[in-house]
Amino acid sequence: MIRIGITYRLFLSILAATCAAILCMFLVMQWSINRGFLRYLDAMGQQDLESIKVNLAEVYSRHGSWDFLRNDPGYWVTRVLTDRREAGTESRPEKPGPPKPPLVILDGEQQTIFGNPGEPGTVNYRPIIHNNLTVGYVGLLPPKQFLSPPQLKFLQQQKFALITAVLGLVLVVMVFSLPLARRMLRPIRTIAAATRELASGKYAVRVPVTSSDELGLLARSFNAMAGALEKNEKARRQWVADISHELRTPIAVLRGEIEALLEGVRDTTPEAVRSLHTEVVRLHRLVDDLHQLTLSDLGALTYRKEDLNLADVLKDSADAYRAEFARKGIALATDIPKNDRSNVFADRERLQQLFSNLFGNSLKYTDTGGKLIVRLRCETGRVTIDFEDSVPGVRAEDMEKLFDHLYRVDASRSRASGGAGLGLAICKKIVEAHDGTITTHVSSLGGLLMRITMHLEEENL
């Protein structure tokens, strides 16, 4: 099977479309030339017919009958035409040779005297009047039935010129359509080559945008896709590097302490075992967070949603953390209306995990003597929850990165106090799974404001 490339397909398509248009134009022009030329001949013949009718009436008046025409029709018809030319009624130039007029002459009873009338209705007759009586009729055959050799030659010349022009146009199209097709497909070849490089892992490849049409849109879309792939690849590599770094630290601590115990450098005391247990718990928490985050990214994190009151879940989570906030010297204030109708369709366990992460985040990063205010308010069709704490704050350029995996504002924070930087990423996944949004803002207390917005159940609207 012969495989034709897209360049030649486009070339053949342009050529076929152009040839079809030229053929239609050729047929229309040929029909127009034939029709126009015949109309011209018919108009000229009708003008001549008036003078012929007058001459025939004069000859008839001299002879008193049509016998002269029946006896010698060729001579008298020629004589009539000659008399018309000599009288100056013929405006066309003389042509050599005996005239052969396409005349049809009938007598008063419409019997043929001269010429061949042909099919009925094909000749438009005009009456010949003598002494106010119709003594005969004269008409001209349709022009298409009596074209002379010069007239036929003229038509042939016009058709030949038209055919030559058509062939010239086809040749011009053939000459220019192939380079045009190649030029039009040049951006596609460029994108195809760039796609092969992208498939091989070269995510930095880009294609030039040279137009604003569909090809330009394709080029911009390709560049956007390549940019997204490059960003995702960098994020993947950073993700692997960060996970390796996060896992290396607790494992290194465990290894060092265990080796110290094995070599007798450190005694096996309850404090030593407690230190090992602390590192194991931290390592388990990190692995569990990574597991949950990975399941959420894959869409495999399970949610058991039910109709519940969001205010009750928030109150329970706040009560669970009051003692810890008090031990650190941070005031925990809640503004949760009683008997509110903040009913949502959600997973209670995941919401408790969400609030626990937010309370834990404020507990870790708020300075002693600070304050955390938790508010809940219901609006038309939605419920909003604010976690607003006091100093320290977060720089504006860092706020957008707070939900990134393994991101910490202060890289120097210890993992004992600062965590692995996965809590807020998990919070965002949980909120999005409930068709809500979570955003960060500058707190009026000098710290950070976390705002959660979720949809209320329809029965609350």
Protein backbone atom coordinates (compact mmCIF):
# COMPACT_ATOMS: atom_id res chain seq x y z
CA MET A 1 0.00 0.00 0.00
CA ILE A 2 1.41 3.34 -1.06
CA ARG A 3 1.73 5.75 1.84
CA ILE A 4 1.21 9.39 0.92
CA GLY A 5 2.59 12.00 3.29
CA ILE A 6 0.48 14.84 4.63
CA THR A 7 2.43 17.35 2.49
CA TYR A 8 1.35 15.69 -0.73
CA ARG A 9 -2.14 15.13 0.62
CA LEU A 10 -2.46 18.83 1.25
CA PHE A 11 -0.94 19.56 -2.17
CA LEU A 12 -3.42 17.24 -3.90
CA SER A 13 -6.30 18.72 -1.90
CA ILE A 14 -5.37 22.27 -2.93
CA LEU A 15 -4.89 21.15 -6.53
CA ALA A 16 -8.18 19.25 -6.65
CA ALA A 17 -10.15 22.11 -5.12
CA THR A 18 -8.57 24.64 -7.49
CA CYS A 19 -9.14 22.42 -10.53
CA ALA A 20 -12.78 21.95 -9.56
CA ALA A 21 -13.21 25.72 -9.24
CA ILE A 22 -11.45 26.32 -12.58
CA LEU A 23 -13.59 23.66 -14.30
CA CYS A 24 -16.77 25.28 -13.03
CA MET A 25 -15.50 28.67 -14.20
CA PHE A 26 -14.60 27.19 -17.61
CA LEU A 27 -18.05 25.67 -18.10
CA VAL A 28 -19.81 28.85 -17.02
CA MET A 29 -17.67 31.04 -19.29
CA GLN A 30 -18.11 28.66 -22.23
CA TRP A 31 -21.87 28.69 -21.78
CA SER A 32 -21.81 32.47 -21.44
CA ILE A 33 -19.75 32.94 -24.62
CA ASN A 34 -22.00 30.66 -26.68
CA ARG A 35 -25.17 32.20 -25.32
CA GLY A 36 -23.93 35.78 -25.64
CA PHE A 37 -22.61 35.30 -29.18
CA LEU A 38 -25.87 33.70 -30.34
CA ARG A 39 -27.87 36.50 -28.75
CA TYR A 40 -25.70 39.03 -30.54
CA LEU A 41 -26.24 37.32 -33.90
CA ASP A 42 -29.98 37.10 -33.27
CA ALA A 43 -30.17 40.82 -32.41
CA MET A 44 -28.27 41.77 -35.55
CA GLY A 45 -30.47 39.47 -37.66
CA GLN A 46 -33.64 41.01 -36.29
CA GLN A 47 -32.38 44.46 -37.25
CA ASP A 48 -31.67 43.24 -40.81
CA LEU A 49 -35.05 41.57 -40.99
CA GLU A 50 -36.87 44.89 -40.92
CA SER A 51 -35.11 46.18 -44.03
CA ILE A 52 -35.48 42.80 -45.77
CA LYS A 53 -39.21 42.90 -45.12
CA VAL A 54 -39.47 46.37 -46.70
CA ASN A 55 -37.46 45.30 -49.79
CA LEU A 56 -39.58 42.18 -50.24
CA ALA A 57 -42.74 44.28 -50.08
CA GLU A 58 -41.38 46.59 -52.78
CA VAL A 59 -40.43 43.70 -55.09
CA TYR A 60 -43.80 42.06 -54.52
CA SER A 61 -45.57 45.32 -55.48
CA ARG A 62 -43.71 45.41 -58.82
CA HIS A 63 -44.55 41.79 -59.74
CA GLY A 64 -47.96 41.44 -58.07
CA SER A 65 -47.28 37.89 -56.87
CA TRP A 66 -44.61 35.55 -55.49
CA ASP A 67 -44.11 33.69 -58.78
CA PHE A 68 -40.83 35.48 -59.46
CA LEU A 69 -39.47 34.12 -56.19
CA ARG A 70 -40.72 30.60 -56.82
CA ASN A 71 -39.12 30.55 -60.29
CA ASP A 72 -35.69 31.84 -59.21
CA PRO A 73 -35.53 32.10 -55.41
CA GLY A 74 -31.74 32.39 -55.16
CA TYR A 75 -31.49 35.27 -57.59
CA TRP A 76 -34.28 37.34 -56.11
CA VAL A 77 -33.22 36.85 -52.48
CA THR A 78 -29.72 37.91 -53.48
CA ARG A 79 -31.20 40.88 -55.30
CA VAL A 80 -33.21 41.88 -52.24
CA LEU A 81 -30.11 41.83 -50.07
CA THR A 82 -28.10 43.75 -52.68
CA ASP A 83 -30.76 46.43 -52.93
CA ARG A 84 -30.71 46.72 -49.13
CA ARG A 85 -26.96 47.25 -49.04
CA GLU A 86 -27.06 49.76 -51.91
CA ALA A 87 -29.77 51.68 -50.06
CA GLY A 88 -27.41 52.02 -47.09
CA THR A 89 -29.53 49.98 -44.69
CA GLU A 90 -26.78 47.41 -44.08
CA SER A 91 -24.25 48.63 -41.52
CA ARG A 92 -22.03 45.57 -41.51
CA PRO A 93 -19.08 45.40 -43.92
CA GLU A 94 -19.36 43.51 -47.18
CA LYS A 95 -17.99 39.96 -47.20
CA PRO A 96 -16.85 38.26 -50.38
CA GLY A 97 -18.89 35.46 -51.97
CA PRO A 98 -22.59 35.12 -52.65
CA PRO A 99 -24.81 35.76 -49.65
CA LYS A 100 -26.51 32.76 -48.08
CA PRO A 101 -29.14 34.28 -45.84
CA PRO A 102 -30.93 32.06 -43.29
CA LEU A 103 -34.23 33.46 -44.53
CA VAL A 104 -37.58 31.71 -44.53
CA ILE A 105 -40.26 33.32 -46.74
CA LEU A 106 -43.89 32.26 -46.74
CA ASP A 107 -46.77 33.42 -48.94
CA GLY A 108 -50.09 34.75 -47.67
CA GLU A 109 -51.33 31.20 -47.00
CA GLN A 110 -48.14 30.49 -45.01
CA GLN A 111 -46.79 28.12 -47.63
CA THR A 112 -43.03 27.99 -47.92
CA ILE A 113 -41.57 29.93 -50.85
CA PHE A 114 -37.93 30.12 -49.78
CA GLY A 115 -35.85 28.43 -47.13
CA ASN A 116 -36.54 25.60 -44.70
CA PRO A 117 -38.72 26.58 -41.74
CA GLY A 118 -37.59 23.55 -39.71
CA GLU A 119 -39.43 22.66 -36.52
CA PRO A 120 -42.64 24.61 -35.81
CA GLY A 121 -42.11 27.52 -33.48
CA THR A 122 -38.41 27.91 -34.17
CA VAL A 123 -38.82 30.92 -36.53
CA ASN A 124 -40.29 34.25 -35.46
CA TYR A 125 -42.09 35.54 -38.58
CA ARG A 126 -42.87 39.12 -39.47
CA PRO A 127 -45.71 39.98 -41.88
CA ILE A 128 -45.07 41.52 -45.32
CA ILE A 129 -47.69 44.23 -45.88
CA HIS A 130 -48.88 45.45 -49.36
CA ASN A 131 -51.85 47.78 -49.70
CA ASN A 132 -52.74 47.11 -46.06
CA LEU A 133 -52.92 43.36 -46.76
CA THR A 134 -50.63 40.64 -45.47
CA VAL A 135 -49.21 39.08 -48.61
CA GLY A 136 -46.49 36.98 -46.95
CA TYR A 137 -44.20 36.39 -44.04
CA VAL A 138 -40.45 36.55 -43.60
CA GLY A 139 -38.33 35.22 -40.72
CA LEU A 140 -34.83 34.20 -39.73
CA LEU A 141 -33.70 30.81 -38.59
CA PRO A 142 -32.13 30.67 -35.07
CA PRO A 143 -28.48 31.73 -35.22
CA LYS A 144 -27.20 28.37 -33.97
CA GLN A 145 -28.55 26.72 -37.13
CA PHE A 146 -26.72 28.89 -39.67
CA LEU A 147 -23.31 29.82 -38.21
CA SER A 148 -20.95 30.76 -40.98
CA PRO A 149 -17.35 29.50 -41.12
CA PRO A 150 -15.95 32.85 -39.85
CA GLN A 151 -18.37 32.79 -36.96
CA LEU A 152 -17.50 29.19 -36.13
CA LYS A 153 -13.83 30.09 -36.30
CA PHE A 154 -14.41 32.99 -33.89
CA LEU A 155 -16.09 30.68 -31.38
CA GLN A 156 -13.29 28.13 -31.71
CA GLN A 157 -10.70 30.83 -31.10
CA GLN A 158 -12.55 31.96 -27.94
CA LYS A 159 -12.77 28.40 -26.67
CA PHE A 160 -9.12 27.76 -27.42
CA ALA A 161 -8.13 30.93 -25.56
CA LEU A 162 -10.31 29.85 -22.62
CA ILE A 163 -8.81 26.35 -22.55
CA THR A 164 -5.31 27.84 -22.70
CA ALA A 165 -6.11 30.11 -19.76
CA VAL A 166 -7.50 27.16 -17.77
CA LEU A 167 -4.43 25.04 -18.40
CA GLY A 168 -2.23 28.00 -17.48
CA LEU A 169 -4.07 28.42 -14.19
CA VAL A 170 -3.74 24.72 -13.38
CA LEU A 171 -0.01 24.91 -14.10
CA VAL A 172 0.38 27.95 -11.86
CA VAL A 173 -1.49 26.16 -9.07
CA MET A 174 0.73 23.10 -9.43
CA VAL A 175 3.85 25.25 -9.26
CA PHE A 176 2.80 27.23 -6.17
CA SER A 177 0.66 24.76 -4.21
CA LEU A 178 3.48 22.32 -3.32
CA PRO A 179 5.75 25.01 -1.77
CA LEU A 180 2.67 26.47 -0.08
CA ALA A 181 1.77 23.07 1.37
CA ARG A 182 5.31 22.59 2.65
CA ARG A 183 5.30 26.05 4.20
CA MET A 184 1.96 25.47 5.89
CA LEU A 185 3.14 22.15 7.34
CA ARG A 186 6.49 23.47 8.55
CA PRO A 187 5.11 24.34 12.03
CA ILE A 188 3.58 20.86 12.30
CA ARG A 189 6.92 19.25 11.47
CA THR A 190 8.55 21.44 14.10
CA ILE A 191 5.98 20.40 16.70
CA ALA A 192 6.35 16.73 15.69
CA ALA A 193 10.12 16.93 16.16
CA ALA A 194 9.67 18.68 19.50
CA THR A 195 7.17 16.01 20.56
CA ARG A 196 9.76 13.29 19.93
CA GLU A 197 12.26 15.19 22.07
CA LEU A 198 9.61 15.63 24.77
CA ALA A 199 8.87 11.90 24.71
CA SER A 200 12.57 11.19 25.20
CA GLY A 201 12.61 13.24 28.41
CA LYS A 202 13.81 16.63 27.15
CA TYR A 203 11.15 18.70 28.91
CA ALA A 204 12.89 22.02 28.25
CA VAL A 205 12.04 21.87 24.53
CA ARG A 206 9.83 24.65 23.15
CA VAL A 207 8.53 25.53 19.68
CA PRO A 208 8.36 29.05 18.21
CA VAL A 209 4.92 30.66 17.90
CA THR A 210 4.91 32.28 14.47
CA SER A 211 1.21 32.94 13.91
CA SER A 212 -2.06 33.61 15.69
CA ASP A 213 -4.13 31.01 13.83
CA GLU A 214 -4.86 27.38 14.75
CA LEU A 215 -1.22 26.39 14.20
CA GLY A 216 -0.13 29.17 16.54
CA LEU A 217 -2.67 27.95 19.10
CA LEU A 218 -1.28 24.42 18.71
CA ALA A 219 2.25 25.72 19.28
CA ARG A 220 1.19 27.63 22.41
CA SER A 221 -0.66 24.58 23.72
CA PHE A 222 2.41 22.43 23.13
CA ASN A 223 4.62 24.91 24.99
CA ALA A 224 2.14 24.99 27.87
CA MET A 225 2.12 21.19 28.00
CA ALA A 226 5.91 21.03 27.88
CA GLY A 227 6.12 23.63 30.65
CA ALA A 228 3.68 21.65 32.80
CA LEU A 229 5.64 18.43 32.22
CA GLU A 230 8.90 20.17 33.04
CA LYS A 231 7.41 21.58 36.23
CA ASN A 232 5.97 18.20 37.22
CA GLU A 233 9.28 16.48 36.55
CA LYS A 234 11.10 18.99 38.72
CA ALA A 235 8.46 18.56 41.41
CA ARG A 236 8.81 14.77 41.20
CA ARG A 237 12.57 14.94 41.57
CA GLN A 238 12.26 17.41 44.41
CA TRP A 239 9.62 15.18 45.99
CA VAL A 240 11.91 12.14 45.87
CA ALA A 241 14.83 14.17 47.21
CA ASP A 242 12.74 15.63 50.04
CA ILE A 243 11.33 12.25 51.04
CA SER A 244 14.82 10.77 51.06
CA HIS A 245 16.01 13.65 53.22
CA GLU A 246 13.09 13.37 55.61
CA LEU A 247 13.53 9.63 56.02
CA ARG A 248 17.32 9.79 56.32
CA THR A 249 17.31 11.87 59.51
CA PRO A 250 15.21 9.65 61.82
CA ILE A 251 16.82 6.52 60.39
CA ALA A 252 20.29 7.97 60.99
CA VAL A 253 19.34 8.84 64.58
CA LEU A 254 17.97 5.35 65.17
CA ARG A 255 21.03 3.75 63.67
CA GLY A 256 23.39 5.87 65.73
CA GLU A 257 21.62 5.19 69.01
CA ILE A 258 21.27 1.47 68.31
CA GLU A 259 24.97 1.20 67.39
CA ALA A 260 25.84 3.06 70.58
CA LEU A 261 23.82 0.56 72.58
CA LEU A 262 25.36 -2.41 70.77
CA GLU A 263 28.92 -1.18 71.24
CA GLY A 264 28.31 -0.38 74.89
CA VAL A 265 28.92 3.32 74.44
CA ARG A 266 25.46 3.95 75.84
CA ASP A 267 23.70 2.00 78.54
CA THR A 268 20.35 0.36 77.85
CA THR A 269 18.27 2.55 80.11
CA PRO A 270 14.58 3.53 79.98
CA GLU A 271 15.62 6.96 78.74
CA ALA A 272 17.55 5.41 75.83
CA VAL A 273 14.61 3.17 74.90
CA ARG A 274 12.24 6.14 75.19
CA SER A 275 14.48 8.11 72.80
CA LEU A 276 14.38 5.25 70.31
CA HIS A 277 10.62 5.03 70.67
CA THR A 278 10.28 8.76 70.00
CA GLU A 279 12.23 8.46 66.75
CA VAL A 280 10.20 5.42 65.71
CA VAL A 281 6.94 7.29 66.38
CA ARG A 282 8.17 10.26 64.38
CA LEU A 283 9.23 7.96 61.54
CA HIS A 284 5.87 6.19 61.65
CA ARG A 285 4.02 9.51 61.57
CA LEU A 286 6.06 10.64 58.55
CA VAL A 287 5.47 7.39 56.66
CA ASP A 288 1.76 7.49 57.51
CA ASP A 289 1.48 11.09 56.25
CA LEU A 290 3.29 10.18 53.06
CA HIS A 291 0.99 7.21 52.59
CA GLN A 292 -2.15 9.28 53.06
CA LEU A 293 -0.88 12.03 50.79
CA THR A 294 -0.01 9.50 48.08
CA LEU A 295 -3.45 7.88 48.35
CA SER A 296 -5.06 11.31 48.06
CA ASP A 297 -3.02 12.15 44.96
CA LEU A 298 -4.07 8.84 43.41
CA GLY A 299 -7.71 9.38 44.37
CA ALA A 300 -7.66 6.23 46.48
CA LEU A 301 -8.12 7.86 49.89
CA THR A 302 -11.44 6.58 51.24
CA TYR A 303 -14.17 8.93 52.50
CA ARG A 304 -17.26 7.81 54.38
CA LYS A 305 -19.47 10.86 54.06
CA GLU A 306 -22.64 11.46 56.00
CA ASP A 307 -24.84 14.34 57.08
CA LEU A 308 -23.24 15.91 60.14
CA ASN A 309 -23.04 19.18 62.01
CA LEU A 310 -19.74 20.92 61.26
CA ALA A 311 -19.90 23.04 64.41
CA ASP A 312 -20.02 19.95 66.63
CA VAL A 313 -16.95 18.44 64.96
CA LEU A 314 -15.05 21.74 65.29
CA LYS A 315 -16.00 22.09 68.98
CA ASP A 316 -14.85 18.55 69.76
CA SER A 317 -11.50 19.15 68.03
CA ALA A 318 -10.99 22.46 69.89
CA ASP A 319 -11.77 20.86 73.26
CA ALA A 320 -9.23 18.12 72.57
CA TYR A 321 -6.45 20.72 72.13
CA ARG A 322 -7.32 23.17 74.94
CA ALA A 323 -5.04 21.53 77.45
CA GLU A 324 -2.05 21.52 75.11
CA PHE A 325 -2.56 25.19 74.23
CA ALA A 326 -2.81 26.02 77.92
CA ARG A 327 0.46 24.17 78.70
CA LYS A 328 2.27 26.21 76.05
CA GLY A 329 0.71 29.45 77.25
CA ILE A 330 -1.32 30.13 74.08
CA ALA A 331 -4.86 31.41 74.47
CA LEU A 332 -7.43 29.42 72.47
CA ALA A 333 -10.63 31.36 71.76
CA THR A 334 -13.56 29.97 69.80
CA ASP A 335 -16.43 31.83 68.15
CA ILE A 336 -18.78 29.00 67.22
CA PRO A 337 -22.49 29.89 67.36
CA LYS A 338 -24.74 27.53 69.33
CA ASN A 339 -27.69 25.82 67.71
CA ASP A 340 -26.42 26.76 64.29
CA ARG A 341 -27.44 24.89 61.12
CA SER A 342 -24.00 24.18 59.70
CA ASN A 343 -24.97 20.76 58.34
CA VAL A 344 -22.65 19.39 55.66
CA PHE A 345 -22.21 16.12 53.82
CA ALA A 346 -18.73 15.07 54.91
CA ASP A 347 -16.50 12.44 56.49
CA ARG A 348 -16.28 13.00 60.24
CA GLU A 349 -12.91 11.26 60.62
CA ARG A 350 -11.33 13.27 57.80
CA LEU A 351 -12.70 16.55 59.18
CA GLN A 352 -11.26 15.68 62.59
CA GLN A 353 -7.93 15.03 60.87
CA LEU A 354 -8.22 18.39 59.08
CA PHE A 355 -8.93 20.36 62.26
CA SER A 356 -6.29 18.41 64.18
CA ASN A 357 -3.64 19.35 61.63
CA LEU A 358 -4.64 23.02 61.78
CA PHE A 359 -4.70 23.12 65.58
CA GLY A 360 -1.35 21.32 65.65
CA ASN A 361 0.13 23.72 63.10
CA SER A 362 -0.83 26.77 65.22
CA LEU A 363 0.40 25.06 68.37
CA LYS A 364 3.83 24.43 66.82
CA TYR A 365 4.39 27.83 65.25
CA THR A 366 2.65 30.33 67.54
CA ASP A 367 4.91 31.96 70.10
CA THR A 368 4.27 31.44 73.80
CA GLY A 369 1.86 34.04 75.10
CA GLY A 370 0.15 34.27 71.75
CA LYS A 371 -3.42 33.59 70.74
CA LEU A 372 -5.50 31.47 68.35
CA ILE A 373 -9.06 32.43 67.40
CA VAL A 374 -11.32 29.90 65.69
CA ARG A 375 -14.50 31.24 64.08
CA LEU A 376 -17.40 29.59 62.29
CA ARG A 377 -20.08 31.48 60.42
CA CYS A 378 -22.78 30.39 58.03
CA GLU A 379 -23.68 32.40 54.95
CA THR A 380 -25.98 31.79 52.01
CA GLY A 381 -25.21 28.30 50.81
CA ARG A 382 -21.82 27.98 52.50
CA VAL A 383 -20.00 27.83 55.82
CA THR A 384 -16.66 29.52 56.57
CA ILE A 385 -14.15 28.52 59.25
CA ASP A 386 -11.20 30.77 60.19
CA PHE A 387 -8.08 29.77 62.11
CA GLU A 388 -6.37 33.07 63.00
CA ASP A 389 -3.24 33.05 65.18
CA SER A 390 -0.71 35.58 66.39
CA VAL A 391 2.97 36.08 65.59
CA PRO A 392 5.13 34.88 63.97
CA GLY A 393 3.68 35.64 60.55
CA VAL A 394 4.46 34.33 57.09
CA ARG A 395 5.91 36.34 54.22
CA ALA A 396 3.57 36.99 51.32
CA GLU A 397 5.82 35.12 48.88
CA ASP A 398 5.73 32.04 51.14
CA MET A 399 1.96 31.85 51.59
CA GLU A 400 1.33 30.24 48.20
CA LYS A 401 3.85 27.49 49.02
CA LEU A 402 2.42 26.49 52.41
CA PHE A 403 0.35 23.70 50.84
CA ASP A 404 3.29 22.25 48.88
CA HIS A 405 4.56 18.85 49.88
CA LEU A 406 7.36 18.88 52.46
CA TYR A 407 7.50 22.69 52.49
CA ARG A 408 8.46 24.53 55.66
CA VAL A 409 8.69 28.29 55.94
CA ASP A 410 11.72 28.05 58.17
CA ALA A 411 14.02 25.31 56.92
CA SER A 412 16.06 25.54 60.11
CA ARG A 413 13.15 24.36 62.29
CA SER A 414 13.75 21.01 63.92
CA ARG A 415 11.55 18.13 62.90
CA ALA A 416 10.54 17.72 66.49
CA SER A 417 8.77 21.06 66.46
CA GLY A 418 8.24 21.83 62.81
CA GLY A 419 7.19 18.45 61.41
CA ALA A 420 7.82 17.23 57.90
CA GLY A 421 5.75 19.87 56.15
CA LEU A 422 2.99 17.48 55.04
CA GLY A 423 0.16 18.55 57.36
CA LEU A 424 -1.12 21.48 55.31
CA ALA A 425 -0.78 19.50 52.07
CA ILE A 426 -3.03 16.83 53.58
CA CYS A 427 -5.44 19.54 54.78
CA LYS A 428 -5.80 20.87 51.25
CA LYS A 429 -6.51 17.40 49.88
CA ILE A 430 -9.20 16.79 52.51
CA VAL A 431 -10.91 20.14 51.88
CA GLU A 432 -10.84 19.66 48.09
CA ALA A 433 -12.33 16.16 48.52
CA HIS A 434 -15.30 17.89 50.18
CA ASP A 435 -15.65 20.37 47.26
CA GLY A 436 -14.34 23.18 49.46
CA THR A 437 -11.45 25.62 49.41
CA ILE A 438 -8.70 26.48 51.88
CA THR A 439 -6.75 29.73 51.55
CA THR A 440 -4.11 31.64 53.51
CA HIS A 441 -4.24 35.32 54.49
CA VAL A 442 -2.42 37.75 56.75
CA SER A 443 -3.82 37.63 60.28
CA SER A 444 -4.92 40.77 62.08
CA LEU A 445 -3.09 39.33 65.11
CA GLY A 446 0.21 39.35 63.23
CA GLY A 447 0.30 35.65 62.37
CA LEU A 448 -1.47 33.51 59.78
CA LEU A 449 -5.16 33.25 58.88
CA MET A 450 -6.33 29.92 57.43
CA ARG A 451 -9.82 30.12 55.87
CA ILE A 452 -11.90 27.08 54.95
CA THR A 453 -15.06 27.39 52.88
CA MET A 454 -17.48 24.49 52.34
CA HIS A 455 -20.97 24.09 50.89
CA LEU A 456 -23.97 23.63 53.16
CA GLU A 457 -26.59 20.98 52.61
CA GLU A 458 -29.57 22.15 50.54
CA GLU A 459 -32.00 21.74 53.43
CA ASN A 460 -30.11 24.54 55.23
CA LEU A 461 -30.53 27.07 52.39
